[in-house]
Amino acid sequence: MARIVGKLFFSLRLVLSLLLVICLSPAPEAPAAKPATFASLLSSLPGEARLVVWKSQYTVTLYKGDRPVKTYRAVFGKGFLDGDKRRAGDKRTPEGNFFICTMNESKRFYKFMGISYPGHEHAEYGLRQGLISPRQYQMIRKASEERQPPPWDTRLGGAVGIHGRMLDSAIAPRHFTGMNWTDGCIAMENSDVDEIYSVVTIGTSVTILP
């Protein structure tokens, strides 16, 4: 009898979890949940929030632990077809494992969540190619190990993040979902940025795939 009750309890928890995921993942035409409501619902799921960005799919997926919660549309740097970011000014969106290292409101980009590019692997490439000095390499490596913002003023570039629409340009809003228009950042609709901004923190993991 105890085993039957246990199985019933487990099944009930599974159904409730599935219903919660459905609530958090509305159809594309459904209005986005208010950030506070979204954050409250997400807090009931186990695990840490993390983001997986898939450049070839033009998506950002929010996970809670191993559970995908919601997928958003995104666009990337104008150097999209050239692959991983290598240096300042190449207009590419970096690839690899990062974390959110800054969070602030932005007059130009609505809200901005900076990611920890350049990381250790990009610093190793930069050192081999003579783009950065040994001292700069050590600074980037130290920032990565201590989960701090890396220097953004080296020849590897920086100030790459997740943000909303440009507020001072008519170009981005008009073509937002039809072209990669940023200088290397990950751009999303403002309402989607609001949801993500409400549930991530400094240190949240961000994986960017080709």
N, C-alpha and C. Protein backbone atom coordinates (compact mmCIF):
# COMPACT_ATOMS: atom_id res chain seq x y z
N MET A 1 0.83 -1.20 0.00
CA MET A 1 0.00 0.00 0.00
C MET A 1 0.87 1.27 0.00
N ALA A 2 1.92 1.24 0.81
CA ALA A 2 2.82 2.40 0.90
C ALA A 2 3.49 2.67 -0.44
N ARG A 3 3.84 1.57 -1.16
CA ARG A 3 4.49 1.73 -2.46
C ARG A 3 3.52 2.35 -3.47
N ILE A 4 2.25 1.95 -3.42
CA ILE A 4 1.25 2.50 -4.33
C ILE A 4 1.05 3.99 -4.07
N VAL A 5 0.94 4.35 -2.77
CA VAL A 5 0.78 5.76 -2.41
C VAL A 5 1.98 6.57 -2.87
N GLY A 6 3.17 5.98 -2.71
CA GLY A 6 4.37 6.67 -3.14
C GLY A 6 4.39 6.92 -4.63
N LYS A 7 3.97 5.93 -5.42
CA LYS A 7 3.92 6.09 -6.87
C LYS A 7 2.90 7.15 -7.27
N LEU A 8 1.74 7.14 -6.58
CA LEU A 8 0.72 8.14 -6.87
C LEU A 8 1.23 9.55 -6.57
N PHE A 9 1.94 9.70 -5.45
CA PHE A 9 2.49 10.99 -5.06
C PHE A 9 3.51 11.48 -6.08
N PHE A 10 4.36 10.53 -6.54
CA PHE A 10 5.38 10.88 -7.55
C PHE A 10 4.72 11.32 -8.85
N SER A 11 3.67 10.58 -9.28
CA SER A 11 2.96 10.92 -10.51
C SER A 11 2.30 12.29 -10.41
N LEU A 12 1.73 12.59 -9.23
CA LEU A 12 1.09 13.88 -9.02
C LEU A 12 2.11 15.01 -9.13
N ARG A 13 3.29 14.83 -8.53
CA ARG A 13 4.35 15.85 -8.59
C ARG A 13 4.79 16.06 -10.04
N LEU A 14 4.88 14.96 -10.82
CA LEU A 14 5.31 15.06 -12.21
C LEU A 14 4.29 15.85 -13.02
N VAL A 15 3.00 15.56 -12.81
CA VAL A 15 1.94 16.28 -13.54
C VAL A 15 1.97 17.77 -13.20
N LEU A 16 2.13 18.08 -11.90
CA LEU A 16 2.17 19.48 -11.48
C LEU A 16 3.37 20.20 -12.10
N SER A 17 4.52 19.52 -12.18
CA SER A 17 5.72 20.13 -12.78
C SER A 17 5.50 20.41 -14.25
N LEU A 18 4.86 19.45 -14.95
CA LEU A 18 4.60 19.65 -16.38
C LEU A 18 3.64 20.81 -16.61
N LEU A 19 2.61 20.90 -15.75
CA LEU A 19 1.67 22.01 -15.87
C LEU A 19 2.37 23.34 -15.66
N LEU A 20 3.32 23.37 -14.71
CA LEU A 20 4.05 24.61 -14.44
C LEU A 20 4.89 25.02 -15.63
N VAL A 21 5.55 24.04 -16.27
CA VAL A 21 6.37 24.34 -17.44
C VAL A 21 5.50 24.88 -18.57
N ILE A 22 4.30 24.29 -18.73
CA ILE A 22 3.38 24.77 -19.76
C ILE A 22 3.00 26.22 -19.49
N CYS A 23 2.75 26.54 -18.22
CA CYS A 23 2.40 27.91 -17.86
C CYS A 23 3.53 28.88 -18.16
N LEU A 24 4.76 28.41 -17.97
CA LEU A 24 5.92 29.27 -18.18
C LEU A 24 6.30 29.38 -19.65
N SER A 25 5.75 28.51 -20.50
CA SER A 25 6.11 28.49 -21.91
C SER A 25 4.89 28.72 -22.78
N PRO A 26 4.36 29.94 -22.80
CA PRO A 26 3.16 30.20 -23.59
C PRO A 26 3.43 30.10 -25.07
N ALA A 27 2.37 29.95 -25.85
CA ALA A 27 2.49 29.94 -27.31
C ALA A 27 3.05 31.28 -27.75
N PRO A 28 3.70 31.32 -28.96
CA PRO A 28 4.33 32.55 -29.41
C PRO A 28 3.40 33.75 -29.43
N GLU A 29 2.09 33.52 -29.73
CA GLU A 29 1.20 34.66 -29.81
C GLU A 29 0.69 35.12 -28.46
N ALA A 30 0.96 34.34 -27.39
CA ALA A 30 0.47 34.70 -26.06
C ALA A 30 1.31 35.84 -25.49
N PRO A 31 0.72 36.76 -24.73
CA PRO A 31 1.49 37.85 -24.14
C PRO A 31 2.46 37.32 -23.09
N ALA A 32 3.61 37.98 -22.96
CA ALA A 32 4.60 37.57 -21.98
C ALA A 32 4.08 37.82 -20.57
N ALA A 33 4.48 36.94 -19.66
CA ALA A 33 4.09 37.13 -18.26
C ALA A 33 4.81 38.35 -17.69
N LYS A 34 4.21 38.99 -16.71
CA LYS A 34 4.88 40.07 -16.03
C LYS A 34 6.14 39.51 -15.38
N PRO A 35 7.25 40.26 -15.43
CA PRO A 35 8.51 39.73 -14.90
C PRO A 35 8.41 39.20 -13.48
N ALA A 36 7.70 39.91 -12.60
CA ALA A 36 7.61 39.47 -11.20
C ALA A 36 6.85 38.14 -11.11
N THR A 37 5.79 38.00 -11.89
CA THR A 37 5.03 36.75 -11.90
C THR A 37 5.88 35.62 -12.46
N PHE A 38 6.58 35.91 -13.55
CA PHE A 38 7.44 34.91 -14.17
C PHE A 38 8.51 34.43 -13.20
N ALA A 39 9.16 35.36 -12.52
CA ALA A 39 10.21 35.01 -11.56
C ALA A 39 9.66 34.17 -10.42
N SER A 40 8.45 34.51 -9.96
CA SER A 40 7.83 33.76 -8.87
C SER A 40 7.54 32.33 -9.28
N LEU A 41 7.00 32.15 -10.49
CA LEU A 41 6.72 30.80 -10.99
C LEU A 41 8.00 29.99 -11.15
N LEU A 42 9.03 30.64 -11.69
CA LEU A 42 10.28 29.93 -11.94
C LEU A 42 10.96 29.51 -10.64
N SER A 43 10.78 30.29 -9.59
CA SER A 43 11.45 29.99 -8.32
C SER A 43 10.99 28.66 -7.72
N SER A 44 9.82 28.17 -8.14
CA SER A 44 9.32 26.91 -7.60
C SER A 44 9.95 25.69 -8.26
N LEU A 45 10.69 25.90 -9.35
CA LEU A 45 11.37 24.79 -10.01
C LEU A 45 12.76 24.61 -9.41
N PRO A 46 13.22 23.36 -9.29
CA PRO A 46 14.54 23.12 -8.70
C PRO A 46 15.68 23.50 -9.64
N GLY A 47 16.85 23.75 -9.07
CA GLY A 47 18.04 24.02 -9.86
C GLY A 47 18.31 25.49 -10.06
N GLU A 48 19.47 25.77 -10.65
CA GLU A 48 19.89 27.14 -10.92
C GLU A 48 19.46 27.56 -12.33
N ALA A 49 19.15 28.83 -12.49
CA ALA A 49 18.84 29.35 -13.83
C ALA A 49 20.13 29.42 -14.64
N ARG A 50 20.02 29.12 -15.93
CA ARG A 50 21.15 29.26 -16.84
C ARG A 50 20.60 29.50 -18.24
N LEU A 51 21.45 30.04 -19.10
CA LEU A 51 21.05 30.38 -20.46
C LEU A 51 21.88 29.62 -21.47
N VAL A 52 21.21 29.11 -22.50
CA VAL A 52 21.90 28.48 -23.62
C VAL A 52 21.51 29.23 -24.89
N VAL A 53 22.51 29.81 -25.52
CA VAL A 53 22.31 30.59 -26.74
C VAL A 53 22.76 29.74 -27.92
N TRP A 54 21.88 29.60 -28.91
CA TRP A 54 22.20 28.79 -30.09
C TRP A 54 22.14 29.70 -31.30
N LYS A 55 23.31 30.11 -31.77
CA LYS A 55 23.38 31.11 -32.82
C LYS A 55 22.72 30.65 -34.12
N SER A 56 22.99 29.43 -34.55
CA SER A 56 22.44 28.94 -35.82
C SER A 56 20.93 28.79 -35.78
N GLN A 57 20.36 28.67 -34.56
CA GLN A 57 18.91 28.57 -34.41
C GLN A 57 18.26 29.90 -34.06
N TYR A 58 19.07 30.92 -33.85
CA TYR A 58 18.59 32.26 -33.48
C TYR A 58 17.74 32.20 -32.21
N THR A 59 18.23 31.48 -31.22
CA THR A 59 17.45 31.31 -29.98
C THR A 59 18.30 31.51 -28.73
N VAL A 60 17.59 31.89 -27.66
CA VAL A 60 18.13 31.88 -26.30
C VAL A 60 17.15 31.06 -25.48
N THR A 61 17.63 29.99 -24.85
CA THR A 61 16.77 29.13 -24.04
C THR A 61 17.12 29.29 -22.57
N LEU A 62 16.12 29.57 -21.78
CA LEU A 62 16.28 29.67 -20.33
C LEU A 62 16.05 28.30 -19.72
N TYR A 63 17.02 27.83 -18.96
CA TYR A 63 16.91 26.55 -18.25
C TYR A 63 16.80 26.82 -16.75
N LYS A 64 16.15 25.91 -16.06
CA LYS A 64 16.22 25.86 -14.60
C LYS A 64 16.74 24.47 -14.26
N GLY A 65 17.99 24.38 -13.83
CA GLY A 65 18.64 23.09 -13.71
C GLY A 65 18.79 22.49 -15.10
N ASP A 66 18.33 21.25 -15.28
CA ASP A 66 18.40 20.60 -16.59
C ASP A 66 17.11 20.76 -17.39
N ARG A 67 16.17 21.52 -16.87
CA ARG A 67 14.86 21.65 -17.49
C ARG A 67 14.79 22.90 -18.36
N PRO A 68 14.56 22.75 -19.69
CA PRO A 68 14.33 23.93 -20.51
C PRO A 68 12.97 24.54 -20.19
N VAL A 69 12.95 25.81 -19.86
CA VAL A 69 11.73 26.47 -19.43
C VAL A 69 11.09 27.27 -20.56
N LYS A 70 11.89 28.07 -21.26
CA LYS A 70 11.32 28.92 -22.31
C LYS A 70 12.40 29.28 -23.31
N THR A 71 12.04 29.32 -24.58
CA THR A 71 12.97 29.68 -25.65
C THR A 71 12.52 30.99 -26.30
N TYR A 72 13.49 31.87 -26.52
CA TYR A 72 13.22 33.20 -27.06
C TYR A 72 13.94 33.37 -28.39
N ARG A 73 13.42 34.25 -29.21
CA ARG A 73 14.05 34.64 -30.47
C ARG A 73 15.18 35.63 -30.18
N ALA A 74 16.28 35.51 -30.90
CA ALA A 74 17.41 36.43 -30.73
C ALA A 74 18.12 36.65 -32.06
N VAL A 75 18.82 37.76 -32.18
CA VAL A 75 19.70 38.01 -33.32
C VAL A 75 21.07 38.39 -32.78
N PHE A 76 22.06 38.39 -33.68
CA PHE A 76 23.46 38.45 -33.22
C PHE A 76 24.28 39.50 -33.98
N GLY A 77 25.58 39.35 -33.90
CA GLY A 77 26.48 40.31 -34.51
C GLY A 77 26.45 40.26 -36.04
N LYS A 78 26.80 41.39 -36.65
CA LYS A 78 26.82 41.48 -38.11
C LYS A 78 27.88 40.56 -38.72
N GLY A 79 28.87 40.14 -37.93
CA GLY A 79 29.87 39.19 -38.42
C GLY A 79 29.48 37.75 -38.17
N PHE A 80 28.18 37.47 -38.09
CA PHE A 80 27.62 36.16 -37.77
C PHE A 80 28.25 35.02 -38.58
N LEU A 81 28.39 35.20 -39.88
CA LEU A 81 28.86 34.12 -40.75
C LEU A 81 30.34 33.81 -40.57
N ASP A 82 31.07 34.65 -39.86
CA ASP A 82 32.51 34.45 -39.69
C ASP A 82 32.86 33.64 -38.45
N GLY A 83 31.84 33.21 -37.66
CA GLY A 83 32.09 32.32 -36.54
C GLY A 83 32.38 33.02 -35.23
N ASP A 84 33.25 32.41 -34.43
CA ASP A 84 33.55 32.86 -33.08
C ASP A 84 34.26 34.22 -33.09
N LYS A 85 34.03 34.99 -32.05
CA LYS A 85 34.69 36.30 -31.93
C LYS A 85 36.18 36.10 -31.69
N ARG A 86 37.00 36.91 -32.37
CA ARG A 86 38.45 36.79 -32.24
C ARG A 86 39.12 38.07 -31.78
N ARG A 87 38.55 39.22 -32.12
CA ARG A 87 39.20 40.48 -31.78
C ARG A 87 38.19 41.62 -31.80
N ALA A 88 38.61 42.74 -31.25
CA ALA A 88 37.74 43.93 -31.22
C ALA A 88 37.40 44.35 -32.64
N GLY A 89 36.14 44.70 -32.85
CA GLY A 89 35.73 45.25 -34.13
C GLY A 89 35.35 44.24 -35.19
N ASP A 90 35.39 42.93 -34.88
CA ASP A 90 35.07 41.95 -35.93
C ASP A 90 33.57 41.68 -36.04
N LYS A 91 32.76 42.32 -35.19
CA LYS A 91 31.29 42.23 -35.26
C LYS A 91 30.76 40.82 -35.03
N ARG A 92 31.56 39.95 -34.41
CA ARG A 92 31.13 38.57 -34.18
C ARG A 92 30.62 38.38 -32.76
N THR A 93 29.69 37.46 -32.60
CA THR A 93 29.22 37.07 -31.27
C THR A 93 30.08 35.91 -30.78
N PRO A 94 30.67 36.00 -29.59
CA PRO A 94 31.57 34.94 -29.12
C PRO A 94 30.84 33.62 -28.87
N GLU A 95 31.62 32.55 -28.85
CA GLU A 95 31.10 31.21 -28.56
C GLU A 95 31.89 30.62 -27.41
N GLY A 96 31.21 29.82 -26.59
CA GLY A 96 31.88 29.18 -25.45
C GLY A 96 31.05 29.29 -24.18
N ASN A 97 31.71 29.08 -23.07
CA ASN A 97 31.06 29.11 -21.75
C ASN A 97 31.43 30.40 -21.03
N PHE A 98 30.40 31.14 -20.62
CA PHE A 98 30.59 32.42 -19.97
C PHE A 98 29.66 32.52 -18.76
N PHE A 99 29.63 33.70 -18.15
CA PHE A 99 28.67 33.97 -17.09
C PHE A 99 28.29 35.45 -17.16
N ILE A 100 27.14 35.77 -16.61
CA ILE A 100 26.72 37.16 -16.57
C ILE A 100 27.58 37.90 -15.55
N CYS A 101 28.25 38.96 -15.99
CA CYS A 101 29.18 39.65 -15.10
C CYS A 101 28.75 41.09 -14.79
N THR A 102 27.78 41.62 -15.53
CA THR A 102 27.22 42.94 -15.22
C THR A 102 25.73 42.92 -15.55
N MET A 103 24.98 43.76 -14.84
CA MET A 103 23.55 43.93 -15.13
C MET A 103 23.20 45.39 -14.89
N ASN A 104 22.69 46.06 -15.91
CA ASN A 104 22.31 47.46 -15.72
C ASN A 104 21.30 47.88 -16.78
N GLU A 105 20.52 48.91 -16.45
CA GLU A 105 19.62 49.50 -17.43
C GLU A 105 20.43 50.37 -18.37
N SER A 106 19.97 50.47 -19.61
CA SER A 106 20.74 51.17 -20.63
C SER A 106 19.83 52.06 -21.46
N LYS A 107 20.22 53.32 -21.64
CA LYS A 107 19.43 54.23 -22.46
C LYS A 107 19.45 53.79 -23.92
N ARG A 108 20.54 53.17 -24.33
CA ARG A 108 20.66 52.77 -25.73
C ARG A 108 20.08 51.38 -25.98
N PHE A 109 20.26 50.46 -25.03
CA PHE A 109 19.87 49.07 -25.26
C PHE A 109 18.82 48.57 -24.27
N TYR A 110 18.10 49.47 -23.63
CA TYR A 110 17.01 49.12 -22.71
C TYR A 110 17.56 48.52 -21.42
N LYS A 111 17.94 47.24 -21.45
CA LYS A 111 18.63 46.60 -20.33
C LYS A 111 19.79 45.80 -20.89
N PHE A 112 20.87 45.77 -20.14
CA PHE A 112 22.09 45.13 -20.64
C PHE A 112 22.62 44.15 -19.61
N MET A 113 22.85 42.90 -20.03
CA MET A 113 23.46 41.87 -19.18
C MET A 113 24.78 41.48 -19.81
N GLY A 114 25.87 42.03 -19.29
CA GLY A 114 27.18 41.76 -19.84
C GLY A 114 27.63 40.34 -19.58
N ILE A 115 28.27 39.72 -20.56
CA ILE A 115 28.82 38.38 -20.36
C ILE A 115 30.34 38.45 -20.28
N SER A 116 30.92 37.41 -19.71
CA SER A 116 32.34 37.42 -19.33
C SER A 116 33.29 37.11 -20.49
N TYR A 117 33.03 37.72 -21.64
CA TYR A 117 33.99 37.67 -22.73
C TYR A 117 34.92 38.87 -22.61
N PRO A 118 36.24 38.67 -22.82
CA PRO A 118 36.92 37.43 -23.18
C PRO A 118 37.16 36.54 -21.96
N GLY A 119 37.00 35.24 -22.19
CA GLY A 119 37.28 34.27 -21.14
C GLY A 119 38.66 33.67 -21.32
N HIS A 120 38.91 32.60 -20.57
CA HIS A 120 40.23 31.98 -20.56
C HIS A 120 40.64 31.49 -21.94
N GLU A 121 39.74 30.79 -22.64
CA GLU A 121 40.10 30.22 -23.94
C GLU A 121 40.38 31.31 -24.97
N HIS A 122 39.59 32.37 -24.96
CA HIS A 122 39.85 33.46 -25.90
C HIS A 122 41.15 34.18 -25.55
N ALA A 123 41.45 34.25 -24.26
CA ALA A 123 42.70 34.87 -23.84
C ALA A 123 43.91 34.06 -24.32
N GLU A 124 43.79 32.73 -24.26
CA GLU A 124 44.88 31.88 -24.75
C GLU A 124 45.11 32.10 -26.24
N TYR A 125 44.02 32.19 -26.98
CA TYR A 125 44.14 32.48 -28.42
C TYR A 125 44.79 33.85 -28.63
N GLY A 126 44.34 34.84 -27.89
CA GLY A 126 44.90 36.18 -28.04
C GLY A 126 46.38 36.26 -27.73
N LEU A 127 46.80 35.51 -26.72
CA LEU A 127 48.22 35.49 -26.36
C LEU A 127 49.04 34.83 -27.46
N ARG A 128 48.54 33.71 -28.00
CA ARG A 128 49.26 33.02 -29.07
C ARG A 128 49.39 33.90 -30.31
N GLN A 129 48.35 34.68 -30.59
CA GLN A 129 48.35 35.51 -31.79
C GLN A 129 49.01 36.87 -31.58
N GLY A 130 49.46 37.13 -30.38
CA GLY A 130 50.10 38.41 -30.09
C GLY A 130 49.13 39.57 -29.98
N LEU A 131 47.85 39.26 -29.72
CA LEU A 131 46.85 40.31 -29.59
C LEU A 131 46.84 40.94 -28.21
N ILE A 132 47.26 40.18 -27.22
CA ILE A 132 47.32 40.68 -25.85
C ILE A 132 48.67 40.35 -25.24
N SER A 133 49.03 41.09 -24.22
CA SER A 133 50.30 40.87 -23.53
C SER A 133 50.14 39.78 -22.46
N PRO A 134 51.25 39.22 -21.99
CA PRO A 134 51.17 38.26 -20.88
C PRO A 134 50.44 38.84 -19.66
N ARG A 135 50.64 40.11 -19.39
CA ARG A 135 49.96 40.74 -18.26
C ARG A 135 48.45 40.78 -18.49
N GLN A 136 48.02 41.13 -19.69
CA GLN A 136 46.59 41.14 -19.99
C GLN A 136 46.01 39.73 -19.92
N TYR A 137 46.78 38.77 -20.39
CA TYR A 137 46.34 37.37 -20.30
C TYR A 137 46.08 36.98 -18.85
N GLN A 138 47.00 37.34 -17.97
CA GLN A 138 46.84 37.00 -16.56
C GLN A 138 45.63 37.71 -15.95
N MET A 139 45.38 38.94 -16.37
CA MET A 139 44.23 39.67 -15.86
C MET A 139 42.92 38.99 -16.27
N ILE A 140 42.84 38.55 -17.52
CA ILE A 140 41.64 37.88 -18.01
C ILE A 140 41.47 36.54 -17.30
N ARG A 141 42.56 35.81 -17.17
CA ARG A 141 42.48 34.51 -16.50
C ARG A 141 42.04 34.67 -15.04
N LYS A 142 42.60 35.65 -14.35
CA LYS A 142 42.24 35.89 -12.95
C LYS A 142 40.75 36.26 -12.83
N ALA A 143 40.27 37.11 -13.73
CA ALA A 143 38.86 37.49 -13.69
C ALA A 143 37.96 36.28 -13.91
N SER A 144 38.35 35.41 -14.83
CA SER A 144 37.57 34.21 -15.10
C SER A 144 37.52 33.29 -13.88
N GLU A 145 38.66 33.10 -13.24
CA GLU A 145 38.73 32.21 -12.07
C GLU A 145 37.95 32.77 -10.88
N GLU A 146 37.94 34.09 -10.74
CA GLU A 146 37.27 34.72 -9.61
C GLU A 146 35.85 35.16 -9.93
N ARG A 147 35.36 34.81 -11.13
CA ARG A 147 34.00 35.16 -11.56
C ARG A 147 33.76 36.66 -11.47
N GLN A 148 34.71 37.41 -12.02
CA GLN A 148 34.64 38.86 -12.06
C GLN A 148 34.61 39.34 -13.52
N PRO A 149 34.15 40.56 -13.78
CA PRO A 149 34.18 41.06 -15.16
C PRO A 149 35.61 41.12 -15.68
N PRO A 150 35.86 40.62 -16.89
CA PRO A 150 37.20 40.69 -17.46
C PRO A 150 37.46 42.08 -18.02
N PRO A 151 38.72 42.42 -18.31
CA PRO A 151 38.99 43.71 -18.97
C PRO A 151 38.39 43.72 -20.36
N TRP A 152 37.70 44.82 -20.70
CA TRP A 152 37.03 44.94 -21.99
C TRP A 152 37.77 45.90 -22.92
N ASP A 153 38.98 46.31 -22.56
CA ASP A 153 39.69 47.31 -23.35
C ASP A 153 40.94 46.75 -24.02
N THR A 154 41.01 45.42 -24.20
CA THR A 154 42.15 44.84 -24.90
C THR A 154 41.79 44.68 -26.38
N ARG A 155 42.74 44.20 -27.17
CA ARG A 155 42.51 44.00 -28.61
C ARG A 155 41.57 42.83 -28.88
N LEU A 156 41.22 42.07 -27.85
CA LEU A 156 40.22 41.01 -28.02
C LEU A 156 38.80 41.57 -28.03
N GLY A 157 38.64 42.79 -27.57
CA GLY A 157 37.31 43.39 -27.51
C GLY A 157 36.60 43.03 -26.22
N GLY A 158 35.36 43.46 -26.12
CA GLY A 158 34.58 43.21 -24.90
C GLY A 158 33.26 43.94 -24.95
N ALA A 159 32.67 44.13 -23.78
CA ALA A 159 31.35 44.78 -23.67
C ALA A 159 30.31 44.06 -24.51
N VAL A 160 30.41 42.73 -24.54
CA VAL A 160 29.42 41.90 -25.24
C VAL A 160 28.37 41.46 -24.22
N GLY A 161 27.11 41.55 -24.60
CA GLY A 161 26.08 41.18 -23.65
C GLY A 161 24.76 40.83 -24.32
N ILE A 162 23.78 40.60 -23.49
CA ILE A 162 22.40 40.35 -23.91
C ILE A 162 21.61 41.62 -23.64
N HIS A 163 20.90 42.12 -24.64
CA HIS A 163 20.19 43.38 -24.44
C HIS A 163 18.94 43.45 -25.30
N GLY A 164 18.18 44.54 -25.11
CA GLY A 164 16.97 44.77 -25.87
C GLY A 164 17.23 45.57 -27.13
N ARG A 165 16.19 46.17 -27.65
CA ARG A 165 16.30 46.96 -28.87
C ARG A 165 17.01 48.29 -28.63
N MET A 166 17.70 48.75 -29.64
CA MET A 166 18.29 50.09 -29.55
C MET A 166 17.18 51.11 -29.44
N LEU A 167 17.31 52.03 -28.50
CA LEU A 167 16.27 53.03 -28.29
C LEU A 167 16.52 54.31 -29.08
N ASP A 168 17.72 54.42 -29.69
CA ASP A 168 18.03 55.67 -30.40
C ASP A 168 18.17 55.44 -31.90
N SER A 169 17.60 54.35 -32.41
CA SER A 169 17.72 54.07 -33.83
C SER A 169 16.45 53.43 -34.35
N ALA A 170 16.02 53.84 -35.52
CA ALA A 170 14.83 53.24 -36.14
C ALA A 170 15.17 51.98 -36.89
N ILE A 171 16.45 51.72 -37.15
CA ILE A 171 16.85 50.57 -37.96
C ILE A 171 16.58 49.26 -37.24
N ALA A 172 17.04 49.15 -36.00
CA ALA A 172 16.90 47.89 -35.27
C ALA A 172 15.44 47.48 -35.07
N PRO A 173 14.56 48.36 -34.59
CA PRO A 173 13.17 47.93 -34.42
C PRO A 173 12.50 47.48 -35.71
N ARG A 174 12.78 48.15 -36.82
CA ARG A 174 12.11 47.83 -38.07
C ARG A 174 12.54 46.45 -38.60
N HIS A 175 13.80 46.12 -38.44
CA HIS A 175 14.33 44.87 -38.99
C HIS A 175 14.75 43.90 -37.88
N PHE A 176 14.19 44.06 -36.71
CA PHE A 176 14.72 43.35 -35.55
C PHE A 176 14.81 41.85 -35.74
N THR A 177 13.77 41.21 -36.26
CA THR A 177 13.78 39.76 -36.38
C THR A 177 14.25 39.27 -37.73
N GLY A 178 14.69 40.18 -38.59
CA GLY A 178 15.06 39.76 -39.94
C GLY A 178 16.53 39.85 -40.27
N MET A 179 17.35 40.35 -39.35
CA MET A 179 18.77 40.50 -39.67
C MET A 179 19.60 40.55 -38.40
N ASN A 180 20.87 40.18 -38.52
CA ASN A 180 21.83 40.32 -37.43
C ASN A 180 22.41 41.73 -37.51
N TRP A 181 22.10 42.56 -36.53
CA TRP A 181 22.43 43.98 -36.64
C TRP A 181 23.37 44.50 -35.56
N THR A 182 23.75 43.66 -34.58
CA THR A 182 24.56 44.18 -33.48
C THR A 182 26.04 44.15 -33.83
N ASP A 183 26.85 44.70 -32.93
CA ASP A 183 28.30 44.66 -33.09
C ASP A 183 28.91 43.42 -32.44
N GLY A 184 28.06 42.47 -32.05
CA GLY A 184 28.54 41.24 -31.44
C GLY A 184 27.68 40.78 -30.28
N CYS A 185 26.76 41.65 -29.86
CA CYS A 185 25.89 41.30 -28.73
C CYS A 185 24.74 40.40 -29.17
N ILE A 186 23.98 39.95 -28.18
CA ILE A 186 22.79 39.13 -28.38
C ILE A 186 21.60 40.02 -28.13
N ALA A 187 20.80 40.29 -29.16
CA ALA A 187 19.69 41.23 -29.05
C ALA A 187 18.37 40.49 -29.03
N MET A 188 17.46 40.92 -28.17
CA MET A 188 16.16 40.30 -28.00
C MET A 188 15.09 41.37 -27.88
N GLU A 189 13.82 40.95 -27.98
CA GLU A 189 12.72 41.87 -27.73
C GLU A 189 12.79 42.35 -26.28
N ASN A 190 12.38 43.59 -26.04
CA ASN A 190 12.45 44.15 -24.69
C ASN A 190 11.65 43.34 -23.67
N SER A 191 10.47 42.85 -24.06
CA SER A 191 9.65 42.07 -23.13
C SER A 191 10.33 40.77 -22.74
N ASP A 192 11.08 40.17 -23.69
CA ASP A 192 11.82 38.94 -23.38
C ASP A 192 13.01 39.24 -22.47
N VAL A 193 13.67 40.36 -22.73
CA VAL A 193 14.77 40.78 -21.86
C VAL A 193 14.26 40.99 -20.44
N ASP A 194 13.07 41.58 -20.30
CA ASP A 194 12.49 41.79 -18.97
C ASP A 194 12.36 40.48 -18.21
N GLU A 195 11.86 39.43 -18.88
CA GLU A 195 11.68 38.14 -18.22
C GLU A 195 13.02 37.57 -17.77
N ILE A 196 13.98 37.56 -18.66
CA ILE A 196 15.28 36.99 -18.31
C ILE A 196 15.95 37.82 -17.22
N TYR A 197 15.87 39.12 -17.34
CA TYR A 197 16.49 40.02 -16.35
C TYR A 197 15.92 39.78 -14.95
N SER A 198 14.67 39.34 -14.89
CA SER A 198 14.01 39.13 -13.59
C SER A 198 14.43 37.86 -12.88
N VAL A 199 15.09 36.94 -13.60
CA VAL A 199 15.40 35.64 -12.99
C VAL A 199 16.90 35.31 -12.96
N VAL A 200 17.72 36.04 -13.73
CA VAL A 200 19.16 35.77 -13.69
C VAL A 200 19.83 36.70 -12.68
N THR A 201 21.06 36.39 -12.33
CA THR A 201 21.85 37.20 -11.42
C THR A 201 23.29 37.28 -11.92
N ILE A 202 24.08 38.11 -11.30
CA ILE A 202 25.52 38.11 -11.59
C ILE A 202 26.04 36.70 -11.28
N GLY A 203 26.72 36.11 -12.24
CA GLY A 203 27.24 34.75 -12.08
C GLY A 203 26.44 33.70 -12.79
N THR A 204 25.25 34.02 -13.30
CA THR A 204 24.45 33.03 -14.03
C THR A 204 25.21 32.55 -15.26
N SER A 205 25.21 31.23 -15.47
CA SER A 205 25.94 30.62 -16.58
C SER A 205 25.28 30.94 -17.91
N VAL A 206 26.12 31.24 -18.91
CA VAL A 206 25.67 31.50 -20.28
C VAL A 206 26.54 30.68 -21.23
N THR A 207 25.93 29.73 -21.95
CA THR A 207 26.63 28.93 -22.95
C THR A 207 26.20 29.39 -24.32
N ILE A 208 27.17 29.74 -25.17
CA ILE A 208 26.86 30.20 -26.53
C ILE A 208 27.39 29.17 -27.53
N LEU A 209 26.46 28.58 -28.29
CA LEU A 209 26.78 27.55 -29.27
C LEU A 209 26.80 28.13 -30.68
N PRO A 210 27.56 27.52 -31.59
CA PRO A 210 27.60 28.03 -32.98
C PRO A 210 26.21 28.00 -33.63
